[in-house]
Amino acid sequence: MMKYKYLILLFFLCILSFTKGHAQNLKLENLIKLNQLNLEEFQEYMYGNQFSFLHAKTNSKTDTISFVNKKDIIAGFIVSKKTNTVFVENIKEDYFKELNSDLKYPDFILVETKIKTENILEKIYVNKKTENIIQVSVISNNKKSNQIENLYKLTVVKPTTYVYRKFLSKVKK
């Protein structure tokens, strides 16, 4: 009987640790919704999802706030007069696979692939449902000896109607 109590306790601890680790990966749909929040709401959401304050900066055009979680994933929010931008950096391969599979839904259309700078490949998607632009940057970290490690950055922007239509016009009919 005592063995079963320990097994049940161990089972619940495993589920709890998996849930906590998994909850720190923001879903693509959450990132799109976060783009519509104000700065205070974004901050509360981050604290509620086990992110800690990392840094903030301001200039005449934008305010930026960043948070980090235990997996070293940085999530940030840039507020400007024209648009809000949500970004996630330091994304590792397993979490990116999850985000990348979400980008295969019919709402997302790949409109552009380009080499941005050395060791950065950028893909730009439009979301026809929400009219957001999603930029995915694949960053090769080949400085480690005998191994290549990719990091990923995902940026969600709600552009002006003109910019959105410009990207949408790149879609091959």
N, C-alpha and C. Protein backbone atom coordinates (compact mmCIF):
# COMPACT_ATOMS: atom_id res chain seq x y z
N MET A 1 0.83 -1.19 0.00
CA MET A 1 0.00 0.00 0.00
C MET A 1 0.87 1.26 0.00
N MET A 2 1.95 1.20 0.76
CA MET A 2 2.85 2.35 0.87
C MET A 2 3.53 2.63 -0.47
N LYS A 3 3.85 1.56 -1.21
CA LYS A 3 4.49 1.72 -2.52
C LYS A 3 3.59 2.52 -3.46
N TYR A 4 2.30 2.23 -3.44
CA TYR A 4 1.36 2.90 -4.33
C TYR A 4 1.24 4.38 -4.02
N LYS A 5 1.30 4.72 -2.74
CA LYS A 5 1.24 6.13 -2.36
C LYS A 5 2.43 6.88 -2.96
N TYR A 6 3.61 6.29 -2.87
CA TYR A 6 4.80 6.92 -3.42
C TYR A 6 4.76 7.00 -4.94
N LEU A 7 4.24 5.94 -5.56
CA LEU A 7 4.12 5.95 -7.02
C LEU A 7 3.14 7.03 -7.48
N ILE A 8 2.02 7.15 -6.79
CA ILE A 8 1.03 8.17 -7.13
C ILE A 8 1.62 9.56 -6.92
N LEU A 9 2.32 9.76 -5.82
CA LEU A 9 2.96 11.05 -5.53
C LEU A 9 4.01 11.37 -6.60
N LEU A 10 4.81 10.39 -6.97
CA LEU A 10 5.82 10.59 -8.00
C LEU A 10 5.17 10.92 -9.35
N PHE A 11 4.07 10.25 -9.66
CA PHE A 11 3.33 10.50 -10.90
C PHE A 11 2.84 11.95 -10.95
N PHE A 12 2.24 12.44 -9.86
CA PHE A 12 1.74 13.82 -9.81
C PHE A 12 2.88 14.83 -9.89
N LEU A 13 4.01 14.52 -9.27
CA LEU A 13 5.17 15.42 -9.36
C LEU A 13 5.68 15.51 -10.80
N CYS A 14 5.69 14.38 -11.49
CA CYS A 14 6.13 14.38 -12.90
C CYS A 14 5.18 15.21 -13.75
N ILE A 15 3.89 15.05 -13.55
CA ILE A 15 2.91 15.83 -14.31
C ILE A 15 3.06 17.31 -14.01
N LEU A 16 3.25 17.65 -12.75
CA LEU A 16 3.40 19.05 -12.35
C LEU A 16 4.65 19.65 -12.97
N SER A 17 5.76 18.94 -12.95
CA SER A 17 6.99 19.49 -13.53
C SER A 17 6.87 19.61 -15.05
N PHE A 18 6.21 18.65 -15.71
CA PHE A 18 6.00 18.75 -17.15
C PHE A 18 5.11 19.95 -17.48
N THR A 19 4.04 20.12 -16.72
CA THR A 19 3.11 21.22 -16.96
C THR A 19 3.80 22.56 -16.77
N LYS A 20 4.61 22.70 -15.73
CA LYS A 20 5.31 23.97 -15.50
C LYS A 20 6.30 24.26 -16.62
N GLY A 21 7.05 23.25 -17.05
CA GLY A 21 8.01 23.46 -18.13
C GLY A 21 7.33 23.75 -19.44
N HIS A 22 6.22 23.06 -19.69
CA HIS A 22 5.50 23.26 -20.95
C HIS A 22 4.78 24.61 -20.97
N ALA A 23 4.33 25.08 -19.82
CA ALA A 23 3.60 26.35 -19.75
C ALA A 23 4.50 27.53 -20.10
N GLN A 24 5.80 27.35 -19.98
CA GLN A 24 6.71 28.45 -20.27
C GLN A 24 6.94 28.63 -21.77
N ASN A 25 6.46 27.72 -22.58
CA ASN A 25 6.52 27.88 -24.03
C ASN A 25 5.24 28.57 -24.48
N LEU A 26 5.36 29.79 -24.95
CA LEU A 26 4.20 30.54 -25.41
C LEU A 26 3.75 30.00 -26.75
N LYS A 27 2.48 29.76 -26.90
CA LYS A 27 1.91 29.28 -28.16
C LYS A 27 1.83 30.45 -29.15
N LEU A 28 1.80 30.11 -30.44
CA LEU A 28 1.72 31.13 -31.47
C LEU A 28 0.43 31.94 -31.35
N GLU A 29 -0.67 31.28 -31.06
CA GLU A 29 -1.94 32.00 -30.90
C GLU A 29 -1.88 32.97 -29.73
N ASN A 30 -1.15 32.61 -28.66
CA ASN A 30 -0.98 33.52 -27.52
C ASN A 30 -0.15 34.73 -27.92
N LEU A 31 0.89 34.52 -28.70
CA LEU A 31 1.74 35.63 -29.14
C LEU A 31 0.95 36.62 -29.98
N ILE A 32 0.07 36.11 -30.81
CA ILE A 32 -0.76 36.99 -31.64
C ILE A 32 -1.72 37.79 -30.75
N LYS A 33 -2.30 37.14 -29.75
CA LYS A 33 -3.20 37.84 -28.83
C LYS A 33 -2.45 38.86 -27.97
N LEU A 34 -1.23 38.52 -27.58
CA LEU A 34 -0.42 39.44 -26.76
C LEU A 34 -0.13 40.73 -27.51
N ASN A 35 -0.06 40.65 -28.82
CA ASN A 35 0.21 41.81 -29.64
C ASN A 35 -0.90 42.85 -29.55
N GLN A 36 -2.09 42.42 -29.11
CA GLN A 36 -3.23 43.33 -29.02
C GLN A 36 -3.39 43.93 -27.63
N LEU A 37 -2.57 43.52 -26.68
CA LEU A 37 -2.68 44.02 -25.31
C LEU A 37 -1.95 45.34 -25.13
N ASN A 38 -2.19 45.98 -24.01
CA ASN A 38 -1.38 47.14 -23.66
C ASN A 38 -0.21 46.66 -22.80
N LEU A 39 0.68 47.56 -22.49
CA LEU A 39 1.91 47.20 -21.78
C LEU A 39 1.64 46.55 -20.42
N GLU A 40 0.69 47.08 -19.68
CA GLU A 40 0.38 46.54 -18.36
C GLU A 40 -0.20 45.12 -18.45
N GLU A 41 -1.09 44.91 -19.42
CA GLU A 41 -1.68 43.58 -19.60
C GLU A 41 -0.62 42.56 -20.04
N PHE A 42 0.29 42.99 -20.90
CA PHE A 42 1.38 42.11 -21.32
C PHE A 42 2.23 41.70 -20.12
N GLN A 43 2.55 42.67 -19.29
CA GLN A 43 3.36 42.40 -18.10
C GLN A 43 2.66 41.39 -17.18
N GLU A 44 1.40 41.57 -16.94
CA GLU A 44 0.66 40.65 -16.07
C GLU A 44 0.63 39.24 -16.67
N TYR A 45 0.47 39.15 -17.99
CA TYR A 45 0.47 37.86 -18.65
C TYR A 45 1.81 37.15 -18.46
N MET A 46 2.89 37.88 -18.62
CA MET A 46 4.22 37.30 -18.47
C MET A 46 4.45 36.79 -17.05
N TYR A 47 4.10 37.59 -16.07
CA TYR A 47 4.26 37.15 -14.68
C TYR A 47 3.40 35.91 -14.42
N GLY A 48 2.22 35.87 -14.98
CA GLY A 48 1.33 34.72 -14.80
C GLY A 48 1.84 33.45 -15.47
N ASN A 49 2.77 33.58 -16.41
CA ASN A 49 3.34 32.43 -17.11
C ASN A 49 4.80 32.19 -16.75
N GLN A 50 5.16 32.56 -15.53
CA GLN A 50 6.46 32.26 -14.93
C GLN A 50 7.63 32.92 -15.66
N PHE A 51 7.41 34.10 -16.21
CA PHE A 51 8.50 34.89 -16.77
C PHE A 51 8.88 35.95 -15.75
N SER A 52 10.14 36.30 -15.69
CA SER A 52 10.64 37.34 -14.79
C SER A 52 11.07 38.55 -15.61
N PHE A 53 10.95 39.72 -15.01
CA PHE A 53 11.36 40.96 -15.67
C PHE A 53 12.85 40.91 -15.99
N LEU A 54 13.22 41.27 -17.22
CA LEU A 54 14.62 41.27 -17.64
C LEU A 54 15.13 42.70 -17.81
N HIS A 55 14.53 43.47 -18.70
CA HIS A 55 14.94 44.87 -18.85
C HIS A 55 13.87 45.67 -19.58
N ALA A 56 14.01 46.98 -19.47
CA ALA A 56 13.10 47.90 -20.15
C ALA A 56 13.91 49.07 -20.67
N LYS A 57 13.45 49.64 -21.77
CA LYS A 57 14.09 50.85 -22.30
C LYS A 57 13.04 51.68 -23.01
N THR A 58 13.34 52.95 -23.14
CA THR A 58 12.42 53.85 -23.80
C THR A 58 13.21 54.87 -24.61
N ASN A 59 12.59 55.32 -25.69
CA ASN A 59 13.13 56.44 -26.45
C ASN A 59 11.95 57.26 -26.94
N SER A 60 12.18 58.21 -27.78
CA SER A 60 11.10 59.10 -28.21
C SER A 60 10.02 58.39 -29.04
N LYS A 61 10.35 57.23 -29.64
CA LYS A 61 9.41 56.55 -30.52
C LYS A 61 8.80 55.28 -29.93
N THR A 62 9.55 54.58 -29.05
CA THR A 62 9.08 53.28 -28.56
C THR A 62 9.38 53.07 -27.08
N ASP A 63 8.60 52.18 -26.50
CA ASP A 63 8.87 51.63 -25.18
C ASP A 63 9.03 50.13 -25.36
N THR A 64 10.06 49.55 -24.75
CA THR A 64 10.31 48.12 -24.89
C THR A 64 10.47 47.50 -23.50
N ILE A 65 9.83 46.38 -23.30
CA ILE A 65 9.98 45.64 -22.04
C ILE A 65 10.24 44.18 -22.40
N SER A 66 11.16 43.54 -21.67
CA SER A 66 11.52 42.15 -21.94
C SER A 66 11.44 41.33 -20.65
N PHE A 67 11.06 40.08 -20.83
CA PHE A 67 10.97 39.12 -19.74
C PHE A 67 11.73 37.86 -20.13
N VAL A 68 12.16 37.08 -19.16
CA VAL A 68 12.89 35.85 -19.42
C VAL A 68 12.32 34.75 -18.52
N ASN A 69 12.35 33.51 -19.02
CA ASN A 69 11.90 32.40 -18.19
C ASN A 69 13.07 31.50 -17.82
N LYS A 70 12.79 30.41 -17.14
CA LYS A 70 13.86 29.52 -16.66
C LYS A 70 14.58 28.80 -17.79
N LYS A 71 13.99 28.80 -18.99
CA LYS A 71 14.62 28.17 -20.15
C LYS A 71 15.43 29.18 -20.97
N ASP A 72 15.63 30.39 -20.42
CA ASP A 72 16.34 31.48 -21.09
C ASP A 72 15.65 31.97 -22.35
N ILE A 73 14.35 31.75 -22.45
CA ILE A 73 13.57 32.30 -23.56
C ILE A 73 13.17 33.71 -23.19
N ILE A 74 13.47 34.64 -24.06
CA ILE A 74 13.15 36.05 -23.82
C ILE A 74 11.89 36.41 -24.61
N ALA A 75 10.93 37.00 -23.93
CA ALA A 75 9.71 37.48 -24.59
C ALA A 75 9.64 38.98 -24.36
N GLY A 76 9.37 39.73 -25.40
CA GLY A 76 9.35 41.17 -25.27
C GLY A 76 8.18 41.81 -25.99
N PHE A 77 7.96 43.06 -25.64
CA PHE A 77 6.83 43.83 -26.16
C PHE A 77 7.35 45.22 -26.50
N ILE A 78 7.15 45.64 -27.74
CA ILE A 78 7.57 46.98 -28.18
C ILE A 78 6.32 47.77 -28.50
N VAL A 79 6.15 48.88 -27.81
CA VAL A 79 4.99 49.74 -28.00
C VAL A 79 5.43 50.98 -28.75
N SER A 80 4.79 51.27 -29.87
CA SER A 80 5.07 52.50 -30.59
C SER A 80 3.74 53.16 -30.91
N LYS A 81 3.81 54.34 -31.48
CA LYS A 81 2.57 55.06 -31.81
C LYS A 81 1.81 54.38 -32.93
N LYS A 82 2.52 53.69 -33.83
CA LYS A 82 1.87 53.08 -34.99
C LYS A 82 1.45 51.64 -34.73
N THR A 83 2.35 50.83 -34.16
CA THR A 83 2.06 49.40 -33.99
C THR A 83 2.63 48.88 -32.69
N ASN A 84 2.13 47.73 -32.28
CA ASN A 84 2.74 46.97 -31.20
C ASN A 84 3.45 45.78 -31.82
N THR A 85 4.55 45.37 -31.20
CA THR A 85 5.31 44.24 -31.68
C THR A 85 5.62 43.34 -30.49
N VAL A 86 5.38 42.04 -30.67
CA VAL A 86 5.74 41.04 -29.68
C VAL A 86 6.85 40.20 -30.28
N PHE A 87 7.89 39.91 -29.49
CA PHE A 87 8.95 39.05 -30.00
C PHE A 87 9.36 38.03 -28.96
N VAL A 88 9.86 36.91 -29.44
CA VAL A 88 10.38 35.84 -28.59
C VAL A 88 11.74 35.47 -29.14
N GLU A 89 12.76 35.47 -28.29
CA GLU A 89 14.14 35.18 -28.69
C GLU A 89 14.68 33.98 -27.91
N ASN A 90 15.83 33.48 -28.35
CA ASN A 90 16.52 32.35 -27.72
C ASN A 90 15.69 31.08 -27.76
N ILE A 91 14.88 30.96 -28.78
CA ILE A 91 14.04 29.77 -28.92
C ILE A 91 14.93 28.60 -29.33
N LYS A 92 14.80 27.52 -28.60
CA LYS A 92 15.57 26.31 -28.89
C LYS A 92 14.79 25.42 -29.85
N GLU A 93 15.46 24.41 -30.38
CA GLU A 93 14.93 23.57 -31.46
C GLU A 93 13.59 22.92 -31.12
N ASP A 94 13.45 22.34 -29.92
CA ASP A 94 12.21 21.62 -29.61
C ASP A 94 11.01 22.56 -29.55
N TYR A 95 11.19 23.73 -28.96
CA TYR A 95 10.11 24.71 -28.88
C TYR A 95 9.80 25.27 -30.27
N PHE A 96 10.84 25.48 -31.10
CA PHE A 96 10.61 25.99 -32.44
C PHE A 96 9.80 25.01 -33.29
N LYS A 97 10.04 23.72 -33.13
CA LYS A 97 9.28 22.72 -33.89
C LYS A 97 7.79 22.87 -33.63
N GLU A 98 7.45 23.15 -32.37
CA GLU A 98 6.05 23.35 -32.00
C GLU A 98 5.48 24.60 -32.68
N LEU A 99 6.23 25.71 -32.64
CA LEU A 99 5.79 26.95 -33.29
C LEU A 99 5.72 26.78 -34.81
N ASN A 100 6.71 26.11 -35.36
CA ASN A 100 6.77 25.92 -36.81
C ASN A 100 5.59 25.08 -37.31
N SER A 101 5.17 24.10 -36.53
CA SER A 101 4.02 23.30 -36.96
C SER A 101 2.75 24.16 -36.96
N ASP A 102 2.65 25.12 -36.03
CA ASP A 102 1.50 26.03 -36.03
C ASP A 102 1.50 26.93 -37.26
N LEU A 103 2.67 27.27 -37.79
CA LEU A 103 2.76 28.11 -38.98
C LEU A 103 2.32 27.37 -40.25
N LYS A 104 2.06 26.11 -40.15
CA LYS A 104 1.61 25.33 -41.30
C LYS A 104 0.08 25.32 -41.43
N TYR A 105 -0.63 25.92 -40.47
CA TYR A 105 -2.09 26.03 -40.58
C TYR A 105 -2.45 26.90 -41.77
N PRO A 106 -3.64 26.69 -42.34
CA PRO A 106 -4.04 27.45 -43.54
C PRO A 106 -4.12 28.97 -43.35
N ASP A 107 -4.28 29.42 -42.10
CA ASP A 107 -4.35 30.87 -41.85
C ASP A 107 -3.02 31.57 -42.14
N PHE A 108 -1.92 30.81 -42.13
CA PHE A 108 -0.59 31.40 -42.32
C PHE A 108 -0.10 31.11 -43.73
N ILE A 109 0.40 32.16 -44.37
CA ILE A 109 0.92 32.03 -45.73
C ILE A 109 2.35 32.56 -45.76
N LEU A 110 3.26 31.73 -46.23
CA LEU A 110 4.65 32.16 -46.39
C LEU A 110 4.72 33.10 -47.57
N VAL A 111 5.19 34.35 -47.34
CA VAL A 111 5.24 35.33 -48.43
C VAL A 111 6.65 35.67 -48.86
N GLU A 112 7.63 35.40 -47.98
CA GLU A 112 8.99 35.80 -48.35
C GLU A 112 10.00 34.98 -47.55
N THR A 113 11.06 34.60 -48.21
CA THR A 113 12.21 33.98 -47.57
C THR A 113 13.44 34.72 -48.05
N LYS A 114 14.28 35.15 -47.11
CA LYS A 114 15.47 35.89 -47.54
C LYS A 114 16.60 35.68 -46.54
N ILE A 115 17.80 35.93 -47.02
CA ILE A 115 18.97 35.93 -46.15
C ILE A 115 19.16 37.35 -45.68
N LYS A 116 19.05 37.52 -44.37
CA LYS A 116 19.06 38.87 -43.82
C LYS A 116 20.48 39.39 -43.63
N THR A 117 21.27 38.69 -42.89
CA THR A 117 22.69 39.00 -42.72
C THR A 117 23.42 37.67 -42.61
N GLU A 118 24.68 37.74 -42.34
CA GLU A 118 25.45 36.51 -42.22
C GLU A 118 24.84 35.61 -41.14
N ASN A 119 24.58 34.38 -41.52
CA ASN A 119 24.05 33.35 -40.63
C ASN A 119 22.63 33.59 -40.14
N ILE A 120 21.85 34.42 -40.82
CA ILE A 120 20.45 34.61 -40.46
C ILE A 120 19.57 34.42 -41.70
N LEU A 121 18.66 33.47 -41.58
CA LEU A 121 17.67 33.21 -42.62
C LEU A 121 16.33 33.68 -42.07
N GLU A 122 15.61 34.48 -42.86
CA GLU A 122 14.35 35.03 -42.38
C GLU A 122 13.20 34.58 -43.27
N LYS A 123 12.12 34.15 -42.62
CA LYS A 123 10.89 33.79 -43.32
C LYS A 123 9.80 34.72 -42.81
N ILE A 124 8.97 35.21 -43.72
CA ILE A 124 7.89 36.11 -43.34
C ILE A 124 6.57 35.48 -43.75
N TYR A 125 5.68 35.40 -42.79
CA TYR A 125 4.34 34.85 -42.99
C TYR A 125 3.32 35.95 -42.76
N VAL A 126 2.18 35.85 -43.43
CA VAL A 126 1.02 36.69 -43.09
C VAL A 126 -0.05 35.76 -42.54
N ASN A 127 -0.79 36.28 -41.60
CA ASN A 127 -1.93 35.55 -41.06
C ASN A 127 -3.17 36.22 -41.62
N LYS A 128 -3.87 35.53 -42.51
CA LYS A 128 -5.04 36.13 -43.18
C LYS A 128 -6.18 36.39 -42.21
N LYS A 129 -6.27 35.60 -41.17
CA LYS A 129 -7.37 35.74 -40.21
C LYS A 129 -7.21 36.98 -39.33
N THR A 130 -6.00 37.19 -38.80
CA THR A 130 -5.76 38.30 -37.86
C THR A 130 -5.05 39.49 -38.51
N GLU A 131 -4.59 39.32 -39.75
CA GLU A 131 -3.84 40.35 -40.48
C GLU A 131 -2.55 40.75 -39.77
N ASN A 132 -1.90 39.77 -39.17
CA ASN A 132 -0.58 39.97 -38.57
C ASN A 132 0.50 39.51 -39.53
N ILE A 133 1.69 40.03 -39.31
CA ILE A 133 2.87 39.56 -40.01
C ILE A 133 3.75 38.87 -38.98
N ILE A 134 4.20 37.66 -39.32
CA ILE A 134 5.05 36.89 -38.41
C ILE A 134 6.40 36.70 -39.10
N GLN A 135 7.44 37.19 -38.45
CA GLN A 135 8.80 37.03 -38.97
C GLN A 135 9.50 35.96 -38.15
N VAL A 136 10.07 34.99 -38.83
CA VAL A 136 10.82 33.93 -38.17
C VAL A 136 12.26 34.06 -38.63
N SER A 137 13.15 34.27 -37.67
CA SER A 137 14.58 34.36 -37.98
C SER A 137 15.28 33.10 -37.46
N VAL A 138 15.97 32.42 -38.37
CA VAL A 138 16.77 31.25 -38.01
C VAL A 138 18.21 31.73 -37.94
N ILE A 139 18.81 31.61 -36.77
CA ILE A 139 20.15 32.13 -36.54
C ILE A 139 21.09 30.97 -36.28
N SER A 140 22.07 30.81 -37.15
CA SER A 140 23.03 29.73 -37.00
C SER A 140 24.13 30.15 -36.03
N ASN A 141 24.31 29.34 -35.02
CA ASN A 141 25.37 29.58 -34.05
C ASN A 141 26.44 28.52 -34.28
N ASN A 142 27.29 28.76 -35.26
CA ASN A 142 28.29 27.76 -35.63
C ASN A 142 29.64 28.01 -34.96
N LYS A 143 29.66 28.77 -33.89
CA LYS A 143 30.91 29.06 -33.21
C LYS A 143 31.36 27.90 -32.31
N LYS A 144 30.45 27.00 -31.98
CA LYS A 144 30.81 25.85 -31.17
C LYS A 144 31.56 24.85 -32.04
N SER A 145 32.60 24.27 -31.52
CA SER A 145 33.39 23.35 -32.32
C SER A 145 32.61 22.07 -32.59
N ASN A 146 32.69 21.64 -33.83
CA ASN A 146 32.10 20.39 -34.30
C ASN A 146 30.60 20.27 -34.11
N GLN A 147 29.91 21.38 -33.93
CA GLN A 147 28.45 21.28 -33.87
C GLN A 147 27.82 22.60 -34.27
N ILE A 148 26.71 22.49 -34.92
CA ILE A 148 25.95 23.68 -35.33
C ILE A 148 24.68 23.69 -34.52
N GLU A 149 24.39 24.81 -33.93
CA GLU A 149 23.18 24.96 -33.14
C GLU A 149 22.40 26.14 -33.68
N ASN A 150 21.13 25.94 -33.97
CA ASN A 150 20.30 27.04 -34.43
C ASN A 150 19.52 27.63 -33.27
N LEU A 151 19.41 28.94 -33.27
CA LEU A 151 18.51 29.65 -32.37
C LEU A 151 17.46 30.32 -33.24
N TYR A 152 16.32 30.64 -32.65
CA TYR A 152 15.23 31.19 -33.43
C TYR A 152 14.67 32.42 -32.74
N LYS A 153 14.22 33.35 -33.55
CA LYS A 153 13.52 34.53 -33.05
C LYS A 153 12.22 34.65 -33.83
N LEU A 154 11.14 34.88 -33.12
CA LEU A 154 9.84 35.04 -33.75
C LEU A 154 9.30 36.40 -33.37
N THR A 155 8.85 37.16 -34.37
CA THR A 155 8.32 38.51 -34.16
C THR A 155 6.93 38.58 -34.76
N VAL A 156 5.98 39.10 -33.99
CA VAL A 156 4.60 39.27 -34.44
C VAL A 156 4.29 40.75 -34.49
N VAL A 157 3.89 41.23 -35.68
CA VAL A 157 3.61 42.65 -35.88
C VAL A 157 2.20 42.78 -36.44
N LYS A 158 1.47 43.74 -35.94
CA LYS A 158 0.17 44.11 -36.53
C LYS A 158 0.42 45.36 -37.35
N PRO A 159 0.64 45.21 -38.66
CA PRO A 159 1.03 46.36 -39.49
C PRO A 159 -0.17 47.23 -39.87
N THR A 160 0.14 48.34 -40.50
CA THR A 160 -0.92 49.17 -41.07
C THR A 160 -1.55 48.39 -42.22
N THR A 161 -2.72 48.78 -42.62
CA THR A 161 -3.43 48.10 -43.72
C THR A 161 -2.61 48.11 -45.00
N TYR A 162 -1.95 49.23 -45.27
CA TYR A 162 -1.13 49.36 -46.48
C TYR A 162 0.01 48.33 -46.47
N VAL A 163 0.72 48.23 -45.37
CA VAL A 163 1.85 47.28 -45.28
C VAL A 163 1.35 45.85 -45.37
N TYR A 164 0.24 45.56 -44.70
CA TYR A 164 -0.32 44.20 -44.76
C TYR A 164 -0.68 43.84 -46.21
N ARG A 165 -1.33 44.73 -46.92
CA ARG A 165 -1.70 44.45 -48.32
C ARG A 165 -0.48 44.29 -49.21
N LYS A 166 0.57 45.05 -48.90
CA LYS A 166 1.82 44.94 -49.66
C LYS A 166 2.39 43.52 -49.51
N PHE A 167 2.40 43.00 -48.29
CA PHE A 167 2.89 41.64 -48.08
C PHE A 167 1.95 40.61 -48.69
N LEU A 168 0.66 40.84 -48.56
CA LEU A 168 -0.33 39.92 -49.11
C LEU A 168 -0.23 39.86 -50.64
N SER A 169 0.16 40.96 -51.27
CA SER A 169 0.30 40.97 -52.73
C SER A 169 1.45 40.08 -53.20
N LYS A 170 2.36 39.73 -52.32
CA LYS A 170 3.48 38.84 -52.67
C LYS A 170 3.07 37.39 -52.73
N VAL A 171 1.87 37.08 -52.26
CA VAL A 171 1.39 35.72 -52.27
C VAL A 171 1.11 35.30 -53.70
N LYS A 172 1.67 34.15 -54.07
CA LYS A 172 1.46 33.63 -55.42
C LYS A 172 0.05 33.08 -55.52
N LYS A 173 -0.63 33.51 -56.52
CA LYS A 173 -2.03 33.07 -56.70
C LYS A 173 -2.08 31.69 -57.28
